[in-house]
Protein backbone atom coordinates (compact mmCIF):
# COMPACT_ATOMS: atom_id res chain seq x y z
CA MET A 1 -29.71 -59.54 48.57
CA ILE A 2 -30.87 -57.11 51.23
CA ARG A 3 -30.58 -58.12 54.87
CA THR A 4 -32.09 -56.17 57.39
CA THR A 5 -32.04 -56.20 61.24
CA LEU A 6 -35.89 -55.89 61.74
CA LYS A 7 -39.11 -55.84 59.58
CA LEU A 8 -42.21 -54.96 61.53
CA ALA A 9 -45.75 -54.38 60.53
CA ALA A 10 -46.98 -50.64 60.22
CA ALA A 11 -49.50 -51.53 63.20
CA PHE A 12 -46.92 -52.70 65.37
CA ALA A 13 -44.82 -49.60 64.76
CA GLY A 14 -47.73 -47.58 65.88
CA LEU A 15 -48.05 -49.71 69.16
CA LEU A 16 -44.16 -49.02 69.70
CA LEU A 17 -44.99 -45.25 69.68
CA LEU A 18 -47.73 -45.61 71.93
CA ASN A 19 -45.50 -47.37 74.40
CA GLY A 20 -43.08 -44.67 74.27
CA CYS A 21 -40.37 -46.75 72.40
CA ASN A 22 -37.73 -44.60 70.51
CA LEU A 23 -37.86 -45.30 67.06
CA ASP A 24 -34.52 -43.86 66.52
CA ASP A 25 -32.93 -46.37 68.50
CA GLU A 26 -30.51 -48.65 66.45
CA SER A 27 -32.74 -51.75 66.88
CA SER A 28 -35.62 -50.54 65.09
CA TRP A 29 -34.06 -49.58 61.57
CA GLU A 30 -34.50 -51.10 58.49
CA ALA A 31 -33.18 -50.84 55.01
CA THR A 32 -35.61 -51.20 51.87
CA THR A 33 -34.79 -50.99 48.17
CA HIS A 34 -35.38 -47.49 46.61
CA ALA A 35 -34.22 -47.91 43.10
CA THR A 36 -32.76 -50.74 40.77
CA GLY A 37 -31.37 -51.23 37.36
CA LEU A 38 -27.97 -48.99 37.94
CA THR A 39 -24.61 -50.16 36.85
CA ASN A 40 -21.77 -49.76 39.51
CA PRO A 41 -23.38 -46.92 41.44
CA ARG A 42 -21.23 -44.93 43.52
CA GLY A 43 -21.51 -41.37 44.98
CA LEU A 44 -24.90 -39.75 45.30
CA VAL A 45 -26.35 -36.52 46.24
CA PHE A 46 -29.94 -34.86 46.53
CA GLY A 47 -30.14 -31.85 44.16
CA PRO A 48 -31.97 -28.50 44.69
CA ASP A 49 -35.14 -30.13 42.98
CA GLY A 50 -35.18 -32.60 45.78
CA ARG A 51 -34.44 -35.60 43.61
CA LEU A 52 -31.50 -38.03 44.13
CA TYR A 53 -28.55 -37.86 41.68
CA VAL A 54 -26.28 -40.91 41.24
CA ALA A 55 -22.97 -41.45 39.49
CA GLU A 56 -22.80 -44.72 37.87
CA ALA A 57 -19.16 -46.12 37.15
CA GLY A 58 -20.42 -48.00 34.13
CA ALA A 59 -18.84 -51.17 32.60
CA GLY A 60 -15.96 -49.97 30.68
CA GLY A 61 -15.63 -51.05 27.09
CA ALA A 62 -13.49 -52.74 24.37
CA LEU A 63 -10.69 -50.01 24.26
CA VAL A 64 -7.24 -51.02 25.14
CA PRO A 65 -3.95 -49.11 25.96
CA THR A 66 -1.72 -48.31 23.09
CA GLY A 67 1.43 -48.92 24.80
CA GLY A 68 4.67 -47.35 23.81
CA PRO A 69 6.41 -44.40 25.20
CA GLY A 70 4.38 -42.52 27.76
CA CYS A 71 1.66 -45.01 27.78
CA PRO A 72 2.81 -48.10 29.77
CA ILE A 73 0.33 -51.19 29.73
CA ASP A 74 1.23 -52.53 33.10
CA ILE A 75 1.24 -49.92 35.65
CA ASN A 76 0.11 -52.02 38.85
CA ILE A 77 -1.51 -55.42 40.12
CA TYR A 78 -4.81 -54.25 38.60
CA SER A 79 -3.65 -53.84 34.81
CA PRO A 80 -4.05 -54.08 32.15
CA TYR A 81 -7.06 -52.02 31.79
CA THR A 82 -9.84 -51.79 29.24
CA ALA A 83 -12.31 -48.81 28.82
CA GLY A 84 -15.30 -47.25 27.13
CA TYR A 85 -17.85 -44.60 27.47
CA SER A 86 -20.49 -46.49 29.55
CA GLY A 87 -20.41 -44.29 32.54
CA ARG A 88 -23.40 -41.91 33.42
CA VAL A 89 -25.06 -39.63 35.85
CA THR A 90 -28.65 -40.77 36.61
CA ARG A 91 -31.59 -38.84 38.44
CA VAL A 92 -33.70 -41.23 40.59
CA LEU A 93 -37.45 -40.18 41.05
CA ALA A 94 -39.57 -40.63 44.02
CA ASN A 95 -41.21 -43.69 42.77
CA GLY A 96 -37.69 -45.28 42.11
CA SER A 97 -37.62 -44.94 38.42
CA LEU A 98 -34.68 -43.62 36.61
CA GLU A 99 -33.82 -40.81 34.26
CA ALA A 100 -30.74 -40.07 32.25
CA VAL A 101 -28.72 -36.86 33.21
CA ALA A 102 -25.44 -37.48 31.43
CA THR A 103 -24.40 -40.40 29.43
CA SER A 104 -21.47 -41.81 27.66
CA LEU A 105 -19.04 -40.86 30.27
CA PRO A 106 -15.60 -42.42 30.46
CA SER A 107 -15.32 -45.89 32.28
CA VAL A 108 -12.41 -48.30 32.86
CA THR A 109 -12.32 -51.82 33.97
CA ASP A 110 -9.41 -53.47 35.77
CA VAL A 111 -8.10 -56.87 35.54
CA SER A 112 -10.39 -58.08 38.25
CA GLY A 113 -13.38 -56.93 36.49
CA ALA A 114 -14.15 -53.88 38.90
CA SER A 115 -15.06 -50.56 36.82
CA TYR A 116 -14.26 -47.06 37.87
CA GLY A 117 -15.61 -43.92 36.08
CA PRO A 118 -18.01 -41.38 37.29
CA THR A 119 -17.71 -41.90 41.20
CA ASP A 120 -19.42 -38.96 42.73
CA VAL A 121 -21.85 -35.93 42.13
CA ALA A 122 -22.38 -32.68 43.87
CA PHE A 123 -24.07 -29.63 43.40
CA ILE A 124 -23.09 -25.75 43.56
CA GLY A 125 -26.17 -24.03 43.40
CA SER A 126 -28.05 -25.43 40.56
CA THR A 127 -24.96 -26.54 38.90
CA LEU A 128 -24.27 -30.21 38.92
CA TYR A 129 -20.67 -31.69 38.86
CA VAL A 130 -19.39 -35.15 38.32
CA LEU A 131 -15.97 -36.64 39.48
CA ILE A 132 -14.42 -39.03 37.20
CA GLU A 133 -12.14 -41.47 39.25
CA MET A 134 -9.35 -42.18 37.13
CA GLY A 135 -8.23 -42.16 33.25
CA GLY A 136 -5.16 -41.51 30.84
CA CYS A 137 -3.87 -43.56 28.10
CA SER A 138 -2.65 -46.36 30.38
CA HIS A 139 -6.19 -46.88 31.22
CA ALA A 140 -7.27 -47.15 27.73
CA LEU A 141 -8.37 -43.56 27.47
CA PRO A 142 -7.10 -40.86 25.33
CA ASP A 143 -4.97 -38.34 27.24
CA SER A 144 -6.81 -35.67 25.32
CA LEU A 145 -9.59 -36.07 27.82
CA HIS A 146 -7.55 -34.69 30.68
CA LEU A 147 -8.70 -37.23 33.19
CA PRO A 148 -9.02 -37.78 36.11
CA ALA A 149 -11.07 -34.87 36.26
CA ILE A 150 -14.20 -32.93 37.27
CA LEU A 151 -16.79 -32.37 34.82
CA ARG A 152 -19.58 -29.72 34.61
CA VAL A 153 -23.03 -31.31 33.61
CA ASN A 154 -24.44 -28.83 31.17
CA ALA A 155 -28.36 -28.35 30.72
CA ASP A 156 -28.41 -30.42 27.64
CA GLY A 157 -26.69 -33.43 29.22
CA SER A 158 -23.26 -32.51 27.72
CA THR A 159 -20.19 -32.20 30.13
CA THR A 160 -17.36 -29.69 30.28
CA ASN A 161 -14.16 -30.49 31.96
CA VAL A 162 -13.45 -27.85 34.53
CA VAL A 163 -10.36 -29.03 36.23
CA ASP A 164 -7.70 -31.57 35.11
CA LEU A 165 -6.95 -33.60 38.57
CA GLY A 166 -4.52 -35.87 36.65
CA ALA A 167 -2.13 -32.96 35.54
CA TRP A 168 -2.15 -31.47 39.01
CA HIS A 169 -1.31 -34.87 40.46
CA ARG A 170 1.55 -35.36 38.34
CA ALA A 171 2.88 -31.84 39.33
CA ASN A 172 2.49 -32.40 42.98
CA PRO A 173 3.69 -35.57 44.20
CA PRO A 174 2.72 -37.01 47.76
CA HIS A 175 5.07 -36.80 50.66
CA PHE A 176 5.39 -40.72 50.62
CA VAL A 177 4.69 -43.50 48.43
CA LYS A 178 5.19 -47.09 49.82
CA ASP A 179 5.55 -49.06 46.64
CA THR A 180 6.47 -47.93 42.97
CA ASN A 181 7.10 -51.41 41.45
CA PRO A 182 4.35 -52.06 38.80
CA ALA A 183 4.57 -55.89 39.59
CA THR A 184 3.66 -55.40 43.26
CA THR A 185 2.10 -51.99 43.89
CA ASP A 186 -1.75 -51.24 44.04
CA GLN A 187 -0.75 -47.74 43.56
CA GLU A 188 -2.41 -45.62 40.47
CA PRO A 189 0.17 -43.28 39.16
CA GLY A 190 -2.33 -40.84 38.23
CA GLY A 191 -4.36 -40.86 41.35
CA VAL A 192 -7.75 -42.41 42.54
CA PHE A 193 -10.14 -39.27 42.91
CA HIS A 194 -12.96 -41.23 44.69
CA SER A 195 -15.36 -38.41 46.32
CA MET A 196 -16.15 -34.94 46.68
CA ILE A 197 -18.70 -32.66 48.57
CA ALA A 198 -19.91 -29.11 47.80
CA VAL A 199 -19.21 -26.26 50.56
CA GLY A 200 -20.18 -22.87 49.35
CA ASP A 201 -18.53 -22.17 45.94
CA PHE A 202 -15.76 -25.01 46.28
CA LEU A 203 -15.58 -28.76 45.82
CA TYR A 204 -13.76 -30.56 48.44
CA VAL A 205 -11.98 -33.83 46.83
CA VAL A 206 -10.71 -36.67 48.27
CA GLU A 207 -7.80 -38.68 46.66
CA THR A 208 -7.61 -42.17 48.08
CA ASN A 209 -4.41 -43.66 46.79
CA ARG A 210 -2.01 -41.02 47.72
CA GLY A 211 -4.06 -39.40 50.78
CA PHE A 212 -4.68 -35.91 49.48
CA LEU A 213 -7.58 -33.74 50.32
CA LEU A 214 -8.17 -30.96 47.92
CA ARG A 215 -10.07 -27.77 47.35
CA VAL A 216 -11.34 -27.03 43.85
CA ASP A 217 -12.69 -23.90 42.30
CA PRO A 218 -14.68 -25.34 39.63
CA VAL A 219 -15.21 -21.69 38.17
CA HIS A 220 -11.57 -20.87 37.90
CA GLY A 221 -10.23 -24.27 37.58
CA THR A 222 -7.78 -23.85 40.49
CA ILE A 223 -6.90 -26.51 42.90
CA ASP A 224 -5.37 -26.11 46.65
CA ARG A 225 -3.87 -29.02 48.59
CA LEU A 226 -5.59 -28.79 52.02
CA PHE A 227 -3.75 -31.61 53.42
CA ASP A 228 -1.44 -34.72 52.56
CA MET A 229 -2.15 -37.69 54.83
CA SER A 230 1.01 -39.58 53.72
CA ILE A 231 3.07 -36.85 55.53
CA ASP A 232 3.62 -39.51 58.38
CA ASP A 233 5.01 -41.77 55.98
CA ARG A 234 1.99 -44.04 56.11
CA GLU A 235 -0.82 -44.89 53.61
CA HIS A 236 -4.19 -43.79 55.38
CA ASN A 237 -6.18 -44.18 52.14
CA PRO A 238 -8.84 -41.53 52.88
CA ILE A 239 -11.95 -42.18 50.81
CA VAL A 240 -15.00 -39.98 51.96
CA MET A 241 -15.65 -36.80 53.67
CA THR A 242 -18.62 -34.86 55.21
CA ARG A 243 -18.77 -31.60 57.28
CA ARG A 244 -20.69 -30.15 59.99
CA GLY A 245 -19.90 -26.43 61.16
CA GLU A 246 -16.18 -25.66 60.88
CA GLN A 247 -15.18 -29.29 61.00
CA PHE A 248 -14.70 -31.90 58.40
CA GLN A 249 -14.78 -35.59 58.93
CA VAL A 250 -12.73 -37.98 56.76
CA GLY A 251 -13.14 -41.72 56.70
CA THR A 252 -10.38 -44.12 55.41
CA PHE A 253 -10.05 -47.34 54.18
CA GLY A 254 -7.22 -48.11 56.74
CA GLU A 255 -3.79 -49.61 55.63
CA GLU A 256 -3.18 -53.42 54.61
CA GLU A 257 -6.34 -54.62 56.43
CA GLY A 258 -5.90 -52.63 59.55
CA PRO A 259 -8.58 -50.73 61.31
CA ALA A 260 -10.10 -47.51 59.51
CA GLU A 261 -9.76 -44.14 60.74
CA LEU A 262 -12.16 -41.50 61.22
CA ALA A 263 -10.31 -38.20 61.14
CA VAL A 264 -11.64 -34.69 62.17
CA PHE A 265 -10.09 -31.72 60.62
CA ASP A 266 -10.55 -28.12 61.54
CA GLU A 267 -11.75 -25.64 58.87
CA ASN A 268 -7.99 -24.80 57.86
CA PHE A 269 -6.82 -28.39 57.59
CA SER A 270 -4.03 -27.65 60.03
CA GLY A 271 -4.04 -31.08 61.41
CA TYR A 272 -6.48 -33.74 62.51
CA GLY A 273 -7.67 -35.62 65.38
CA LEU A 274 -8.94 -39.16 65.89
CA PRO A 275 -12.06 -38.77 68.28
CA TYR A 276 -13.98 -41.59 67.05
CA ALA A 277 -13.66 -45.32 67.61
CA SER A 278 -13.77 -46.25 64.04
CA LEU A 279 -13.21 -50.00 62.97
CA HIS A 280 -13.90 -51.16 59.44
CA PRO A 281 -13.35 -49.35 55.99
CA LEU A 282 -15.75 -46.34 55.72
CA VAL A 283 -17.10 -45.42 52.27
CA GLY A 284 -19.84 -43.08 53.25
CA LEU A 285 -20.33 -40.53 56.12
CA ALA A 286 -23.56 -38.28 56.79
CA TRP A 287 -25.02 -36.24 59.33
CA ARG A 288 -28.52 -36.91 60.38
CA SER A 289 -30.42 -35.26 63.32
CA GLY A 290 -27.34 -34.16 64.69
CA ARG A 291 -25.58 -37.55 64.76
CA LEU A 292 -22.80 -38.89 62.51
CA TYR A 293 -23.58 -42.07 60.54
CA GLY A 294 -21.26 -44.18 58.51
CA VAL A 295 -21.40 -46.88 55.96
CA GLU A 296 -18.65 -49.54 56.41
CA ILE A 297 -18.08 -51.49 53.00
CA PHE A 298 -16.91 -54.80 54.69
CA PRO A 299 -14.86 -55.99 57.73
CA HIS A 300 -11.32 -54.75 57.48
CA ASP A 301 -9.93 -58.35 58.20
CA GLU A 302 -12.15 -59.72 55.54
CA ALA A 303 -11.64 -57.27 52.50
CA TRP A 304 -14.10 -57.36 49.57
CA THR A 305 -16.43 -59.87 51.14
CA PRO A 306 -19.98 -59.25 49.80
CA ASP A 307 -23.11 -58.69 51.83
CA SER A 308 -20.98 -57.74 54.80
CA ALA A 309 -21.71 -54.14 54.97
CA ASN A 310 -22.56 -52.09 58.36
CA LEU A 311 -24.48 -48.79 59.00
CA VAL A 312 -23.03 -47.45 62.12
CA ARG A 313 -23.38 -44.45 64.43
CA PHE A 314 -20.75 -42.52 66.05
CA ASP A 315 -21.32 -40.98 69.42
CA ASP A 316 -20.39 -37.25 69.31
CA ARG A 317 -19.69 -37.32 72.96
CA THR A 318 -17.94 -40.50 73.80
CA GLY A 319 -16.66 -41.28 70.27
CA LEU A 320 -18.23 -44.87 70.48
CA ARG A 321 -19.41 -46.78 67.37
CA ARG A 322 -22.74 -48.29 67.53
CA GLU A 323 -23.96 -50.71 64.83
CA ILE A 324 -27.32 -49.84 63.44
CA LEU A 325 -27.58 -52.25 60.54
CA THR A 326 -25.25 -55.30 60.09
CA LYS A 327 -24.89 -57.09 56.62
CA PHE A 328 -27.45 -55.05 55.26
CA ALA A 329 -25.74 -54.18 51.76
CA SER A 330 -23.15 -55.57 49.46
CA LEU A 331 -19.97 -53.33 48.49
CA PRO A 332 -22.04 -50.13 49.11
CA ASN A 333 -20.61 -46.63 48.50
CA GLY A 334 -21.77 -43.00 49.62
CA LEU A 335 -24.09 -41.89 52.21
CA VAL A 336 -26.40 -38.85 51.96
CA THR A 337 -29.51 -37.68 54.23
CA GLY A 338 -32.59 -37.24 52.18
CA PRO A 339 -35.21 -34.40 52.52
CA ASP A 340 -37.47 -37.01 54.05
CA GLY A 341 -34.80 -37.59 57.10
CA ALA A 342 -33.83 -40.94 55.73
CA LEU A 343 -30.44 -42.23 54.78
CA TYR A 344 -29.51 -43.46 51.24
CA THR A 345 -26.60 -45.42 50.00
CA SER A 346 -25.66 -47.13 46.75
CA ASN A 347 -25.72 -50.89 46.66
CA ASN A 348 -23.77 -53.43 44.84
CA GLY A 349 -21.33 -50.80 43.83
CA ILE A 350 -18.86 -53.43 42.33
CA SER A 351 -21.16 -55.71 40.35
CA GLY A 352 -22.63 -56.55 36.86
CA PRO A 353 -24.41 -54.30 34.55
CA GLY A 354 -27.93 -53.28 35.69
CA GLU A 355 -27.27 -55.14 39.13
CA GLY A 356 -26.73 -51.99 41.30
CA SER A 357 -29.49 -50.36 43.46
CA ILE A 358 -30.30 -47.54 45.99
CA LEU A 359 -31.15 -48.51 49.43
CA ARG A 360 -33.14 -46.30 51.88
CA MET A 361 -32.42 -46.75 55.58
CA ALA A 362 -34.52 -45.26 58.34
CA PRO A 363 -36.08 -45.97 61.75
CA HIS A 364 -38.95 -48.32 60.98
CA ALA A 365 -42.01 -46.04 61.38
CA ALA A 366 -40.37 -43.78 58.88
CA ALA A 367 -39.48 -46.62 56.50
CA VAL A 368 -43.21 -47.71 56.35
CA SER A 369 -44.28 -44.15 55.80
CA GLN A 370 -42.06 -43.39 52.91
CA PRO A 371 -43.46 -40.44 50.64
């Protein structure tokens, strides 16, 4: 269910304009449903064609881990896993209808019922890439798929693995791992590669479990470690990244239900500052009209509570956090600015088949004049 802070008639919106009201003020925003029928939608991006592309994690499948040497079944508190090929990348048309771009992509489901597979999408020029979050034998998928990975989506809808993130992760352990006991840890041995953005010819990837920030050259298949956020012997759990100018903003999930962080890195990732008063776990960041917006998935002290997401804005001068929409979505993921100036996020990112949707958020006058 979508909850909005205010719903006004178009005539009243016009009256506000005549009276000089600032329609970009946080009291005038609303969220509307842009598309429905998605299965565990996650990251999203607008393509060069102006259409919205969405990664759908899918709903797993009937495959189970084989077990045996090199393929443990119980690897953390979320195992055992099942898997299948129900993930996909979908294009959303202006009227909200859906078109399949790539189908039959790897998808895994943990013991709680949450599914993970295609988790983000990005364009470099006209080439589309999709990030597969997890994989491997312990997740009931063949090691021959070389997952987690970034796949290039070809013109015919097929995919090509351009970089094996799992192999890199095995060869490059983090500075700090808090708990390695499969009976108590929530850590994924192969990492959790949750989001990515395109900058120039590179893909910048956020690995959540171990705290890695990576730069990937998808043409040559190379991976550079930009920063290891576990360097201070803490689990920061970075999960999303955006960029403006020479700075990169990275939102975190926080540690053990503590407040989230909104870290700002320079272009060389030599270190970071914390200029913003962040609070709840951030799963989406986007710049709109020179202002930084974030999607908070739930309150940090009420983890995984549905229908509790906030859209917030961070003041670039004071660092203060301001709530724009409260309890407007349920377990959302990702945030992008559309060519129409509105913000878009995936809703019901952890739900049943076909229960996911895309929400469009904008000041009320813009919301009622959607193209």
